[in-house]
Amino acid sequence: MIVIVTILCWQEIGVYVLPGIVIFLLLGPLQGLIGRFFAKLRYSDQQCIIIYNIKKKQKTVIYLSRSIFVLGLSLIKGLNL
């Protein structure tokens, strides 16, 4: 299919097809290299568990800090300062 498209483009625009074909042929291996690079960056199961636990504990800390803040406000309002 690539050959047919190249021939049809060659008939229409001539030599100016060559840079496009060269870029197309170079992007194939480049895509493979980028794919291998990102495959190395995937999280393992252990890393996912650690990240999940960190986020869960972060939510707990945020909830507790909000509770303490609301409790402090209610005490201040109760004292009518």
Foldseek 3Di string as FASTA:
>chain_A
DVVVVLVVVCVVPNPVCVVVVVVVVVVVVVVVVVVVVVVVVDDDPVRVVVVVVVVVVVVVVVVVVVVVVVVVVVVCVVVVD
